[in-house]
Amino acid sequence: MNQTVVDLLANNADHATAFDSRFDAVQDAQHPDAVTVCCSDSRVLQDHSWGNDRPGHLFTCGNIGNRVMQRTETGDAVSGDVLYPIAHTGTKTAIVMGHTGCGAVTATYDDLTEGLNEPAGISHCLDLLKPRLEPALDLLPDDVSRAGAINRLVEYNVDRQIQFLKASDDVPDDVDCIGVVYDFQDVYGGDRGEVHVINVNGETDTDRLRAEHAAVGSRIDRLWEY
């Protein structure tokens, strides 16, 4: 067995010792306060970014491009892993977390503008993102850099995922759908690893959001109000 796995198992032993009693209240059921959908990127530690160390608190999902939809025989639908806690455990908050410099958004941008040749599994994921991101290409500022374009599309993608959740008949109207961006590249001007709120239930106007959510007004920010 390679050293990486040996080290991971050693770390897990420490985890098991620390968490042994923390599972007492969730042995037989879970009622997470939020479902979070994060991009599958090794630089974004989904639970740790929220300071979560409590089993049963967050229902975490991850995929490339922080997508909330999957393709079915009857069309695109809210992904089962995202929908499960909403439908079955009483979860009333859904958080979609994009991140700066997203590789999935970058690949989708490149596929739309230049065409890519990816393995089937990756192409499938990009095909789910492309129709959501393509309309944004004509909206990008003419003088925007490549990195600037990608990070604006990160926001646009989060917006589209929130829009999809809010439009779905499978997601009750009383579920709060929050869009955020995790920044580890000094794009938003805060600390690295800070989460910035960009969308609340489809509202993206930062002035309105700050007025309505003054308690977290300093955490509300966008690069792009298109």
Protein backbone atom coordinates (compact mmCIF):
# COMPACT_ATOMS: atom_id res chain seq x y z
CA MET A 1 0.00 0.00 0.00
CA ASN A 2 1.45 3.38 -0.97
CA GLN A 3 2.48 5.96 1.61
CA THR A 4 -0.38 8.30 0.77
CA VAL A 5 -2.93 5.73 1.91
CA VAL A 6 -0.86 4.84 4.98
CA ASP A 7 -0.78 8.51 5.97
CA LEU A 8 -4.50 8.93 5.33
CA LEU A 9 -5.32 5.95 7.54
CA ALA A 10 -3.15 7.39 10.31
CA ASN A 11 -5.00 10.69 10.03
CA ASN A 12 -8.31 8.83 10.09
CA ALA A 13 -7.32 7.14 13.35
CA ASP A 14 -6.89 10.58 14.90
CA HIS A 15 -10.24 11.62 13.43
CA ALA A 16 -12.00 8.56 14.85
CA THR A 17 -10.58 9.22 18.31
CA ALA A 18 -11.70 12.86 18.24
CA PHE A 19 -15.13 12.16 16.79
CA ASP A 20 -16.02 8.99 18.68
CA SER A 21 -18.75 10.56 20.82
CA ARG A 22 -19.92 13.09 18.23
CA PHE A 23 -22.06 10.50 16.44
CA ASP A 24 -24.25 9.75 19.46
CA ALA A 25 -27.08 12.04 18.36
CA VAL A 26 -27.10 10.94 14.73
CA GLN A 27 -26.79 7.16 15.00
CA ASP A 28 -30.19 6.44 13.48
CA ALA A 29 -31.19 9.51 11.47
CA GLN A 30 -29.95 12.79 10.05
CA HIS A 31 -31.59 16.20 9.80
CA PRO A 32 -28.91 18.45 8.28
CA ASP A 33 -29.39 22.20 8.51
CA ALA A 34 -28.14 22.76 4.96
CA VAL A 35 -27.17 20.92 1.81
CA THR A 36 -24.04 22.36 0.25
CA VAL A 37 -22.99 21.76 -3.34
CA CYS A 38 -19.32 22.45 -3.96
CA CYS A 39 -17.01 22.04 -6.91
CA SER A 40 -14.82 18.94 -6.71
CA ASP A 41 -11.50 20.73 -6.33
CA SER A 42 -8.77 19.68 -3.92
CA ARG A 43 -8.14 23.31 -2.99
CA VAL A 44 -11.68 23.82 -1.66
CA LEU A 45 -12.22 22.00 1.64
CA GLN A 46 -15.98 21.99 1.71
CA ASP A 47 -16.74 21.13 5.35
CA HIS A 48 -13.66 22.89 6.69
CA SER A 49 -14.51 26.10 4.85
CA TRP A 50 -17.62 26.37 7.03
CA GLY A 51 -15.76 25.35 10.19
CA ASN A 52 -17.92 22.24 10.36
CA ASP A 53 -16.89 19.46 12.70
CA ARG A 54 -20.38 18.27 13.71
CA PRO A 55 -21.77 15.10 12.08
CA GLY A 56 -25.31 15.68 10.85
CA HIS A 57 -24.94 19.43 10.42
CA LEU A 58 -24.17 19.70 6.68
CA PHE A 59 -25.13 17.39 3.81
CA THR A 60 -22.20 17.86 1.44
CA CYS A 61 -22.20 17.16 -2.29
CA GLY A 62 -19.40 17.70 -4.75
CA ASN A 63 -18.95 17.52 -8.51
CA ILE A 64 -17.01 19.39 -11.17
CA GLY A 65 -18.73 22.69 -11.77
CA ASN A 66 -20.85 22.63 -8.55
CA ARG A 67 -23.85 21.48 -10.57
CA VAL A 68 -27.29 20.91 -9.06
CA MET A 69 -28.71 19.10 -12.09
CA GLN A 70 -28.41 15.71 -13.70
CA ARG A 71 -29.62 14.48 -17.09
CA THR A 72 -32.50 12.00 -17.05
CA GLU A 73 -34.64 10.32 -19.69
CA THR A 74 -37.24 13.06 -19.26
CA GLY A 75 -34.78 15.96 -19.29
CA ASP A 76 -32.57 17.78 -16.80
CA ALA A 77 -33.65 17.41 -13.18
CA VAL A 78 -32.35 18.41 -9.76
CA SER A 79 -29.60 15.95 -8.92
CA GLY A 80 -30.65 13.25 -6.50
CA ASP A 81 -27.76 13.87 -4.12
CA VAL A 82 -28.80 17.52 -3.80
CA LEU A 83 -32.51 16.76 -3.62
CA TYR A 84 -32.35 13.92 -1.09
CA PRO A 85 -31.96 16.03 2.09
CA ILE A 86 -34.55 18.51 0.84
CA ALA A 87 -37.07 15.77 0.08
CA HIS A 88 -36.39 13.42 2.98
CA THR A 89 -34.66 15.08 5.95
CA GLY A 90 -36.41 18.44 6.23
CA THR A 91 -33.45 20.51 5.05
CA LYS A 92 -34.52 24.07 4.22
CA THR A 93 -31.26 25.63 3.03
CA ALA A 94 -29.34 24.86 -0.16
CA ILE A 95 -25.96 26.48 -0.75
CA VAL A 96 -24.17 26.37 -4.11
CA MET A 97 -20.46 27.12 -3.75
CA GLY A 98 -18.39 28.07 -6.78
CA HIS A 99 -14.75 29.04 -6.48
CA THR A 100 -12.28 31.35 -8.16
CA GLY A 101 -10.22 29.87 -10.98
CA CYS A 102 -12.67 26.98 -11.41
CA GLY A 103 -11.26 24.32 -13.74
CA ALA A 104 -14.71 23.10 -14.79
CA VAL A 105 -15.80 26.59 -15.79
CA THR A 106 -12.47 27.11 -17.56
CA ALA A 107 -12.89 23.86 -19.50
CA THR A 108 -16.47 24.77 -20.41
CA TYR A 109 -15.33 28.19 -21.62
CA ASP A 110 -12.58 26.60 -23.70
CA ASP A 111 -14.96 24.00 -25.11
CA LEU A 112 -17.42 26.70 -26.13
CA THR A 113 -14.78 28.91 -27.72
CA GLU A 114 -12.23 26.45 -29.08
CA GLY A 115 -13.58 22.92 -28.67
CA LEU A 116 -12.03 20.27 -26.44
CA ASN A 117 -11.50 16.53 -26.69
CA GLU A 118 -12.18 15.11 -23.23
CA PRO A 119 -13.01 11.60 -21.99
CA ALA A 120 -16.72 10.79 -22.09
CA GLY A 121 -17.30 11.28 -18.37
CA ILE A 122 -15.81 14.76 -18.37
CA SER A 123 -17.57 15.68 -21.62
CA HIS A 124 -20.88 14.70 -20.03
CA CYS A 125 -20.29 17.15 -17.19
CA LEU A 126 -19.25 19.92 -19.55
CA ASP A 127 -22.34 19.27 -21.67
CA LEU A 128 -24.46 20.00 -18.61
CA LEU A 129 -22.65 23.29 -18.05
CA LYS A 130 -22.33 24.54 -21.63
CA PRO A 131 -25.97 25.53 -22.26
CA ARG A 132 -25.99 27.40 -18.95
CA LEU A 133 -22.79 29.33 -19.62
CA GLU A 134 -22.96 29.94 -23.36
CA PRO A 135 -25.34 32.96 -23.14
CA ALA A 136 -22.83 34.73 -20.89
CA LEU A 137 -20.08 34.81 -23.51
CA ASP A 138 -21.69 37.69 -25.39
CA LEU A 139 -22.17 39.59 -22.12
CA LEU A 140 -18.51 39.59 -21.05
CA PRO A 141 -16.72 42.95 -21.23
CA ASP A 142 -14.62 43.31 -24.39
CA ASP A 143 -11.49 44.19 -22.44
CA VAL A 144 -11.74 41.47 -19.79
CA SER A 145 -8.72 39.24 -19.24
CA ARG A 146 -8.97 35.47 -19.51
CA ALA A 147 -8.80 35.11 -15.71
CA GLY A 148 -11.38 37.86 -15.33
CA ALA A 149 -13.68 36.14 -17.79
CA ILE A 150 -13.40 32.82 -15.96
CA ASN A 151 -14.17 34.35 -12.57
CA ARG A 152 -17.18 36.21 -13.96
CA LEU A 153 -18.41 32.95 -15.47
CA VAL A 154 -17.96 31.31 -12.06
CA GLU A 155 -20.54 33.76 -10.71
CA TYR A 156 -22.76 33.28 -13.75
CA ASN A 157 -22.65 29.51 -13.26
CA VAL A 158 -23.61 29.79 -9.59
CA ASP A 159 -26.50 32.03 -10.62
CA ARG A 160 -27.72 29.45 -13.13
CA GLN A 161 -27.57 26.67 -10.54
CA ILE A 162 -29.63 28.75 -8.10
CA GLN A 163 -32.06 29.58 -10.89
CA PHE A 164 -32.47 25.87 -11.66
CA LEU A 165 -33.21 25.04 -8.02
CA LYS A 166 -35.75 27.84 -7.66
CA ALA A 167 -37.52 26.83 -10.88
CA SER A 168 -37.81 23.17 -9.96
CA ASP A 169 -41.15 21.82 -8.76
CA ASP A 170 -39.17 19.36 -6.63
CA VAL A 171 -37.74 22.14 -4.45
CA PRO A 172 -40.34 23.71 -2.11
CA ASP A 173 -40.70 27.47 -2.19
CA ASP A 174 -39.65 27.76 1.46
CA VAL A 175 -36.17 26.37 0.78
CA ASP A 176 -33.58 29.15 0.84
CA CYS A 177 -31.17 28.86 -2.10
CA ILE A 178 -27.92 30.73 -1.54
CA GLY A 179 -25.12 31.19 -4.07
CA VAL A 180 -21.56 31.84 -2.89
CA VAL A 181 -18.02 31.94 -4.25
CA TYR A 182 -15.00 30.64 -2.32
CA ASP A 183 -11.95 32.78 -3.04
CA PHE A 184 -8.39 31.54 -2.55
CA GLN A 185 -6.86 33.73 -5.29
CA ASP A 186 -7.24 37.26 -3.85
CA VAL A 187 -9.95 38.10 -6.37
CA TYR A 188 -12.53 39.61 -4.01
CA GLY A 189 -10.09 41.37 -1.69
CA GLY A 190 -10.85 39.48 1.50
CA ASP A 191 -8.85 36.76 3.21
CA ARG A 192 -7.94 33.68 1.20
CA GLY A 193 -10.56 31.03 1.80
CA GLU A 194 -13.31 33.57 2.44
CA VAL A 195 -16.81 32.85 1.17
CA HIS A 196 -18.60 35.69 -0.64
CA VAL A 197 -22.38 35.70 -1.01
CA ILE A 198 -23.45 36.57 -4.56
CA ASN A 199 -27.03 35.29 -4.82
CA VAL A 200 -29.93 34.87 -2.39
CA ASN A 201 -32.99 33.11 -3.80
CA GLY A 202 -32.28 34.51 -7.24
CA GLU A 203 -31.57 38.10 -6.15
CA THR A 204 -28.14 39.22 -7.35
CA ASP A 205 -28.23 43.00 -6.87
CA THR A 206 -25.61 43.61 -4.18
CA ASP A 207 -27.18 46.86 -2.92
CA ARG A 208 -30.51 45.15 -2.38
CA LEU A 209 -28.88 42.13 -0.80
CA ARG A 210 -26.86 44.26 1.62
CA ALA A 211 -29.99 46.21 2.58
CA GLU A 212 -31.99 43.03 3.15
CA HIS A 213 -29.20 41.13 4.91
CA ALA A 214 -27.31 43.82 6.80
CA ALA A 215 -25.92 41.35 9.34
CA VAL A 216 -23.74 39.82 6.62
CA GLY A 217 -23.46 42.86 4.40
CA SER A 218 -19.67 42.79 4.43
CA ARG A 219 -19.75 39.25 2.99
CA ILE A 220 -21.94 40.18 0.03
CA ASP A 221 -19.95 40.99 -3.08
CA ARG A 222 -19.90 40.35 -6.80
CA LEU A 223 -17.41 40.90 -9.59
CA TRP A 224 -20.10 41.09 -12.22
CA GLU A 225 -23.60 42.51 -12.27
CA TYR A 226 -24.55 41.75 -15.85
